[in-house]
PDB file of N, CA and C in Angstrom:
ATOM      1  N   MET A   1      18.214   8.008 -34.905  1.00  0.00           N
ATOM      2  CA  MET A   1      17.874   8.092 -33.488  1.00  0.00           C
ATOM      3  C   MET A   1      16.555   7.239 -33.168  1.00  0.00           C
ATOM      4  N   LYS A   2      15.635   7.429 -34.065  1.00  0.00           N
ATOM      5  CA  LYS A   2      14.377   6.746 -33.827  1.00  0.00           C
ATOM      6  C   LYS A   2      14.608   5.168 -33.880  1.00  0.00           C
ATOM      7  N   ALA A   3      15.451   4.796 -34.824  1.00  0.00           N
ATOM      8  CA  ALA A   3      15.648   3.357 -35.039  1.00  0.00           C
ATOM      9  C   ALA A   3      16.392   2.744 -33.814  1.00  0.00           C
ATOM     10  N   LEU A   4      17.346   3.542 -33.220  1.00  0.00           N
ATOM     11  CA  LEU A   4      18.086   3.135 -32.134  1.00  0.00           C
ATOM     12  C   LEU A   4      17.130   2.960 -30.849  1.00  0.00           C
ATOM     13  N   ILE A   5      16.320   4.023 -30.705  1.00  0.00           N
ATOM     14  CA  ILE A   5      15.409   3.987 -29.670  1.00  0.00           C
ATOM     15  C   ILE A   5      14.503   2.803 -29.734  1.00  0.00           C
ATOM     16  N   ARG A   6      13.919   2.633 -30.895  1.00  0.00           N
ATOM     17  CA  ARG A   6      13.015   1.524 -31.082  1.00  0.00           C
ATOM     18  C   ARG A   6      13.677   0.165 -30.951  1.00  0.00           C
ATOM     19  N   THR A   7      14.829  -0.030 -31.318  1.00  0.00           N
ATOM     20  CA  THR A   7      15.683  -1.285 -31.086  1.00  0.00           C
ATOM     21  C   THR A   7      15.789  -1.551 -29.679  1.00  0.00           C
ATOM     22  N   ALA A   8      16.152  -0.426 -28.822  1.00  0.00           N
ATOM     23  CA  ALA A   8      16.194  -0.639 -27.383  1.00  0.00           C
ATOM     24  C   ALA A   8      14.910  -1.058 -26.797  1.00  0.00           C
ATOM     25  N   GLU A   9      13.777  -0.358 -27.202  1.00  0.00           N
ATOM     26  CA  GLU A   9      12.464  -0.710 -26.724  1.00  0.00           C
ATOM     27  C   GLU A   9      12.131  -2.147 -26.991  1.00  0.00           C
ATOM     28  N   ASP A  10      12.432  -2.575 -28.218  1.00  0.00           N
ATOM     29  CA  ASP A  10      12.167  -3.970 -28.589  1.00  0.00           C
ATOM     30  C   ASP A  10      12.965  -4.970 -27.809  1.00  0.00           C
ATOM     31  N   ALA A  11      14.166  -4.557 -27.320  1.00  0.00           N
ATOM     32  CA  ALA A  11      14.949  -5.467 -26.425  1.00  0.00           C
ATOM     33  C   ALA A  11      14.570  -5.310 -25.051  1.00  0.00           C
ATOM     34  N   GLY A  12      13.610  -4.488 -24.721  1.00  0.00           N
ATOM     35  CA  GLY A  12      13.150  -4.193 -23.335  1.00  0.00           C
ATOM     36  C   GLY A  12      13.913  -3.234 -22.528  1.00  0.00           C
ATOM     37  N   GLY A  13      14.579  -2.426 -23.259  1.00  0.00           N
ATOM     38  CA  GLY A  13      15.443  -1.362 -22.632  1.00  0.00           C
ATOM     39  C   GLY A  13      15.023   0.078 -22.965  1.00  0.00           C
ATOM     40  N   THR A  14      15.773   1.011 -22.521  1.00  0.00           N
ATOM     41  CA  THR A  14      15.495   2.420 -22.849  1.00  0.00           C
ATOM     42  C   THR A  14      16.843   3.035 -23.027  1.00  0.00           C
ATOM     43  N   LEU A  15      16.759   4.195 -23.862  1.00  0.00           N
ATOM     44  CA  LEU A  15      17.951   4.898 -24.059  1.00  0.00           C
ATOM     45  C   LEU A  15      17.569   6.441 -23.727  1.00  0.00           C
ATOM     46  N   PRO A  16      17.641   6.735 -22.496  1.00  0.00           N
ATOM     47  CA  PRO A  16      17.067   8.176 -22.017  1.00  0.00           C
ATOM     48  C   PRO A  16      17.825   9.296 -22.748  1.00  0.00           C
ATOM     49  N   MET A  17      19.071   9.238 -22.991  1.00  0.00           N
ATOM     50  CA  MET A  17      19.813  10.243 -23.578  1.00  0.00           C
ATOM     51  C   MET A  17      19.296  10.404 -25.051  1.00  0.00           C
ATOM     52  N   LEU A  18      19.165   9.331 -25.746  1.00  0.00           N
ATOM     53  CA  LEU A  18      18.718   9.462 -27.201  1.00  0.00           C
ATOM     54  C   LEU A  18      17.263  10.042 -27.215  1.00  0.00           C
ATOM     55  N   GLU A  19      16.446   9.554 -26.240  1.00  0.00           N
ATOM     56  CA  GLU A  19      15.064  10.052 -26.121  1.00  0.00           C
ATOM     57  C   GLU A  19      15.015  11.545 -25.931  1.00  0.00           C
ATOM     58  N   ALA A  20      15.902  12.001 -25.091  1.00  0.00           N
ATOM     59  CA  ALA A  20      15.941  13.384 -24.831  1.00  0.00           C
ATOM     60  C   ALA A  20      16.431  14.233 -26.049  1.00  0.00           C
ATOM     61  N   VAL A  21      17.333  13.641 -26.811  1.00  0.00           N
ATOM     62  CA  VAL A  21      17.771  14.335 -28.079  1.00  0.00           C
ATOM     63  C   VAL A  21      16.675  14.387 -29.059  1.00  0.00           C
ATOM     64  N   GLU A  22      15.810  13.381 -29.161  1.00  0.00           N
ATOM     65  CA  GLU A  22      14.680  13.352 -30.011  1.00  0.00           C
ATOM     66  C   GLU A  22      13.660  14.320 -29.638  1.00  0.00           C
ATOM     67  N   GLN A  23      13.447  14.661 -28.334  1.00  0.00           N
ATOM     68  CA  GLN A  23      12.490  15.570 -27.859  1.00  0.00           C
ATOM     69  C   GLN A  23      12.947  16.929 -28.182  1.00  0.00           C
ATOM     70  N   VAL A  24      14.302  17.174 -28.016  1.00  0.00           N
ATOM     71  CA  VAL A  24      14.855  18.520 -28.401  1.00  0.00           C
ATOM     72  C   VAL A  24      14.726  18.754 -29.808  1.00  0.00           C
ATOM     73  N   ASN A  25      14.987  17.815 -30.621  1.00  0.00           N
ATOM     74  CA  ASN A  25      14.938  17.951 -32.176  1.00  0.00           C
ATOM     75  C   ASN A  25      13.582  18.276 -32.520  1.00  0.00           C
ATOM     76  N   ALA A  26      12.552  17.568 -31.886  1.00  0.00           N
ATOM     77  CA  ALA A  26      11.144  17.820 -32.149  1.00  0.00           C
ATOM     78  C   ALA A  26      10.765  19.303 -31.752  1.00  0.00           C
ATOM     79  N   GLU A  27      11.231  19.704 -30.677  1.00  0.00           N
ATOM     80  CA  GLU A  27      11.036  21.108 -30.155  1.00  0.00           C
ATOM     81  C   GLU A  27      11.548  22.160 -31.124  1.00  0.00           C
ATOM     82  N   GLN A  28      12.730  21.830 -31.753  1.00  0.00           N
ATOM     83  CA  GLN A  28      13.304  22.846 -32.691  1.00  0.00           C
ATOM     84  C   GLN A  28      12.398  23.172 -33.814  1.00  0.00           C
ATOM     85  N   LYS A  29      11.609  22.184 -34.298  1.00  0.00           N
ATOM     86  CA  LYS A  29      10.703  22.354 -35.384  1.00  0.00           C
ATOM     87  C   LYS A  29       9.613  23.397 -34.932  1.00  0.00           C
ATOM     88  N   ARG A  30       9.105  23.136 -33.634  1.00  0.00           N
ATOM     89  CA  ARG A  30       8.101  24.091 -33.193  1.00  0.00           C
ATOM     90  C   ARG A  30       8.713  25.418 -32.935  1.00  0.00           C
ATOM     91  N   VAL A  31       9.963  25.626 -32.535  1.00  0.00           N
ATOM     92  CA  VAL A  31      10.567  26.920 -32.353  1.00  0.00           C
ATOM     93  C   VAL A  31      10.620  27.711 -33.714  1.00  0.00           C
ATOM     94  N   LEU A  32      10.904  26.962 -34.763  1.00  0.00           N
ATOM     95  CA  LEU A  32      10.897  27.572 -36.099  1.00  0.00           C
ATOM     96  C   LEU A  32       9.541  27.983 -36.434  1.00  0.00           C
ATOM     97  N   ALA A  33       8.625  27.143 -36.224  1.00  0.00           N
ATOM     98  CA  ALA A  33       7.177  27.573 -36.569  1.00  0.00           C
ATOM     99  C   ALA A  33       6.706  28.753 -35.819  1.00  0.00           C
ATOM    100  N   ARG A  34       7.070  28.842 -34.554  1.00  0.00           N
ATOM    101  CA  ARG A  34       6.714  30.003 -33.762  1.00  0.00           C
ATOM    102  C   ARG A  34       7.365  31.331 -34.234  1.00  0.00           C
ATOM    103  N   LYS A  35       8.549  31.185 -34.710  1.00  0.00           N
ATOM    104  CA  LYS A  35       9.398  32.339 -35.270  1.00  0.00           C
ATOM    105  C   LYS A  35       8.596  32.814 -36.561  1.00  0.00           C
ATOM    106  N   ILE A  36       8.314  31.893 -37.357  1.00  0.00           N
ATOM    107  CA  ILE A  36       7.706  32.163 -38.694  1.00  0.00           C
ATOM    108  C   ILE A  36       6.331  32.883 -38.428  1.00  0.00           C
ATOM    109  N   LEU A  37       5.462  32.397 -37.497  1.00  0.00           N
ATOM    110  CA  LEU A  37       4.226  32.968 -37.184  1.00  0.00           C
ATOM    111  C   LEU A  37       4.434  34.310 -36.565  1.00  0.00           C
ATOM    112  N   LYS A  38       5.384  34.521 -35.728  1.00  0.00           N
ATOM    113  CA  LYS A  38       5.628  35.768 -35.170  1.00  0.00           C
ATOM    114  C   LYS A  38       6.058  36.878 -36.204  1.00  0.00           C
ATOM    115  N   ARG A  39       6.840  36.464 -37.108  1.00  0.00           N
ATOM    116  CA  ARG A  39       7.408  37.314 -38.181  1.00  0.00           C
ATOM    117  C   ARG A  39       6.364  37.645 -39.226  1.00  0.00           C
ATOM    118  N   PHE A  40       5.530  36.675 -39.600  1.00  0.00           N
ATOM    119  CA  PHE A  40       4.629  36.799 -40.733  1.00  0.00           C
ATOM    120  C   PHE A  40       3.109  36.876 -40.303  1.00  0.00           C
ATOM    121  N   GLY A  41       2.826  36.411 -39.197  1.00  0.00           N
ATOM    122  CA  GLY A  41       1.319  36.492 -38.735  1.00  0.00           C
ATOM    123  C   GLY A  41       0.694  35.373 -39.417  1.00  0.00           C
ATOM    124  N   LYS A  42      -0.547  35.696 -40.006  1.00  0.00           N
ATOM    125  CA  LYS A  42      -1.326  34.739 -40.691  1.00  0.00           C
ATOM    126  C   LYS A  42      -0.589  34.188 -41.941  1.00  0.00           C
ATOM    127  N   LEU A  43      -0.561  32.790 -42.025  1.00  0.00           N
ATOM    128  CA  LEU A  43       0.169  32.212 -43.215  1.00  0.00           C
ATOM    129  C   LEU A  43      -0.710  31.714 -44.278  1.00  0.00           C
ATOM    130  N   SER A  44      -2.034  31.898 -44.144  1.00  0.00           N
ATOM    131  CA  SER A  44      -2.925  31.511 -45.207  1.00  0.00           C
ATOM    132  C   SER A  44      -2.630  32.165 -46.446  1.00  0.00           C
ATOM    133  N   GLY A  45      -2.418  31.437 -47.530  1.00  0.00           N
ATOM    134  CA  GLY A  45      -2.148  31.875 -48.867  1.00  0.00           C
ATOM    135  C   GLY A  45      -0.678  32.190 -49.150  1.00  0.00           C
ATOM    136  N   ARG A  46       0.155  31.927 -48.243  1.00  0.00           N
ATOM    137  CA  ARG A  46       1.576  32.195 -48.346  1.00  0.00           C
ATOM    138  C   ARG A  46       2.291  30.959 -48.648  1.00  0.00           C
ATOM    139  N   ARG A  47       3.459  31.025 -49.270  1.00  0.00           N
ATOM    140  CA  ARG A  47       4.378  29.902 -49.526  1.00  0.00           C
ATOM    141  C   ARG A  47       5.653  30.237 -48.810  1.00  0.00           C
ATOM    142  N   ILE A  48       6.213  29.204 -48.075  1.00  0.00           N
ATOM    143  CA  ILE A  48       7.403  29.516 -47.388  1.00  0.00           C
ATOM    144  C   ILE A  48       8.339  28.347 -47.689  1.00  0.00           C
ATOM    145  N   ALA A  49       9.487  28.731 -48.123  1.00  0.00           N
ATOM    146  CA  ALA A  49      10.565  27.708 -48.470  1.00  0.00           C
ATOM    147  C   ALA A  49      11.684  27.744 -47.383  1.00  0.00           C
ATOM    148  N   VAL A  50      12.181  26.623 -46.828  1.00  0.00           N
ATOM    149  CA  VAL A  50      13.192  26.549 -45.908  1.00  0.00           C
ATOM    150  C   VAL A  50      14.356  25.696 -46.524  1.00  0.00           C
ATOM    151  N   TRP A  51      15.446  26.388 -46.628  1.00  0.00           N
ATOM    152  CA  TRP A  51      16.609  25.610 -47.086  1.00  0.00           C
ATOM    153  C   TRP A  51      17.558  25.472 -45.910  1.00  0.00           C
ATOM    154  N   GLY A  52      18.302  24.243 -45.931  1.00  0.00           N
ATOM    155  CA  GLY A  52      19.331  24.118 -44.927  1.00  0.00           C
ATOM    156  C   GLY A  52      20.174  22.991 -45.358  1.00  0.00           C
ATOM    157  N   LEU A  53      21.368  22.901 -44.617  1.00  0.00           N
ATOM    158  CA  LEU A  53      22.348  21.951 -44.901  1.00  0.00           C
ATOM    159  C   LEU A  53      23.042  21.508 -43.568  1.00  0.00           C
ATOM    160  N   ALA A  54      22.950  20.217 -43.335  1.00  0.00           N
ATOM    161  CA  ALA A  54      23.518  19.767 -42.100  1.00  0.00           C
ATOM    162  C   ALA A  54      25.007  19.680 -42.318  1.00  0.00           C
ATOM    163  N   PHE A  55      25.769  20.118 -41.434  1.00  0.00           N
ATOM    164  CA  PHE A  55      27.273  19.923 -41.567  1.00  0.00           C
ATOM    165  C   PHE A  55      27.827  19.246 -40.363  1.00  0.00           C
ATOM    166  N   LYS A  56      28.642  18.280 -40.623  1.00  0.00           N
ATOM    167  CA  LYS A  56      29.394  17.462 -39.672  1.00  0.00           C
ATOM    168  C   LYS A  56      30.801  17.956 -39.670  1.00  0.00           C
ATOM    169  N   PRO A  57      31.247  18.563 -38.643  1.00  0.00           N
ATOM    170  CA  PRO A  57      32.667  19.068 -38.488  1.00  0.00           C
ATOM    171  C   PRO A  57      33.660  18.033 -38.844  1.00  0.00           C
ATOM    172  N   ASN A  58      34.602  18.471 -39.444  1.00  0.00           N
ATOM    173  CA  ASN A  58      35.902  17.666 -39.785  1.00  0.00           C
ATOM    174  C   ASN A  58      35.566  16.544 -40.822  1.00  0.00           C
ATOM    175  N   THR A  59      34.677  16.890 -41.661  1.00  0.00           N
ATOM    176  CA  THR A  59      34.196  15.938 -42.830  1.00  0.00           C
ATOM    177  C   THR A  59      33.647  16.752 -43.899  1.00  0.00           C
ATOM    178  N   ASP A  60      33.772  16.279 -45.100  1.00  0.00           N
ATOM    179  CA  ASP A  60      33.138  16.920 -46.291  1.00  0.00           C
ATOM    180  C   ASP A  60      32.009  16.059 -46.786  1.00  0.00           C
ATOM    181  N   ASP A  61      31.609  15.013 -46.091  1.00  0.00           N
ATOM    182  CA  ASP A  61      30.630  14.063 -46.502  1.00  0.00           C
ATOM    183  C   ASP A  61      29.214  14.395 -45.778  1.00  0.00           C
ATOM    184  N   VAL A  62      28.254  14.821 -46.657  1.00  0.00           N
ATOM    185  CA  VAL A  62      26.938  15.051 -46.128  1.00  0.00           C
ATOM    186  C   VAL A  62      25.864  14.209 -46.683  1.00  0.00           C
ATOM    187  N   ARG A  63      26.273  13.091 -47.298  1.00  0.00           N
ATOM    188  CA  ARG A  63      25.338  12.248 -48.089  1.00  0.00           C
ATOM    189  C   ARG A  63      24.273  11.697 -47.105  1.00  0.00           C
ATOM    190  N   ARG A  64      24.528  11.391 -45.916  1.00  0.00           N
ATOM    191  CA  ARG A  64      23.536  10.751 -45.060  1.00  0.00           C
ATOM    192  C   ARG A  64      22.927  11.706 -43.982  1.00  0.00           C
ATOM    193  N   ARG A  65      23.057  13.003 -44.285  1.00  0.00           N
ATOM    194  CA  ARG A  65      22.482  14.098 -43.396  1.00  0.00           C
ATOM    195  C   ARG A  65      21.096  14.210 -43.817  1.00  0.00           C
ATOM    196  N   PRO A  66      20.163  14.600 -42.880  1.00  0.00           N
ATOM    197  CA  PRO A  66      18.789  14.878 -43.253  1.00  0.00           C
ATOM    198  C   PRO A  66      18.588  15.834 -44.459  1.00  0.00           C
ATOM    199  N   ALA A  67      19.364  16.912 -44.515  1.00  0.00           N
ATOM    200  CA  ALA A  67      19.182  17.938 -45.498  1.00  0.00           C
ATOM    201  C   ALA A  67      19.577  17.357 -46.849  1.00  0.00           C
ATOM    202  N   ALA A  68      20.230  16.292 -46.951  1.00  0.00           N
ATOM    203  CA  ALA A  68      20.705  15.743 -48.200  1.00  0.00           C
ATOM    204  C   ALA A  68      19.745  14.803 -48.766  1.00  0.00           C
ATOM    205  N   SER A  69      18.647  14.564 -48.060  1.00  0.00           N
ATOM    206  CA  SER A  69      17.657  13.608 -48.411  1.00  0.00           C
ATOM    207  C   SER A  69      16.707  14.273 -49.377  1.00  0.00           C
TER     208      SER A  69
END
């Protein structure tokens, strides 16, 4: 997403739909953080692991998904 948005900007254009998707994706990280804080309160001295796997419907290929990195 970021690369496409940057390419459009470099060419003097914009991609409002992709920019909106990037904003939603960034907000999802904050949503998770708020949920963790609500559940556990103070996080000082704690270790938290988050596991996940991106799944693309109708395919068994997840090599290029963020969770596979």
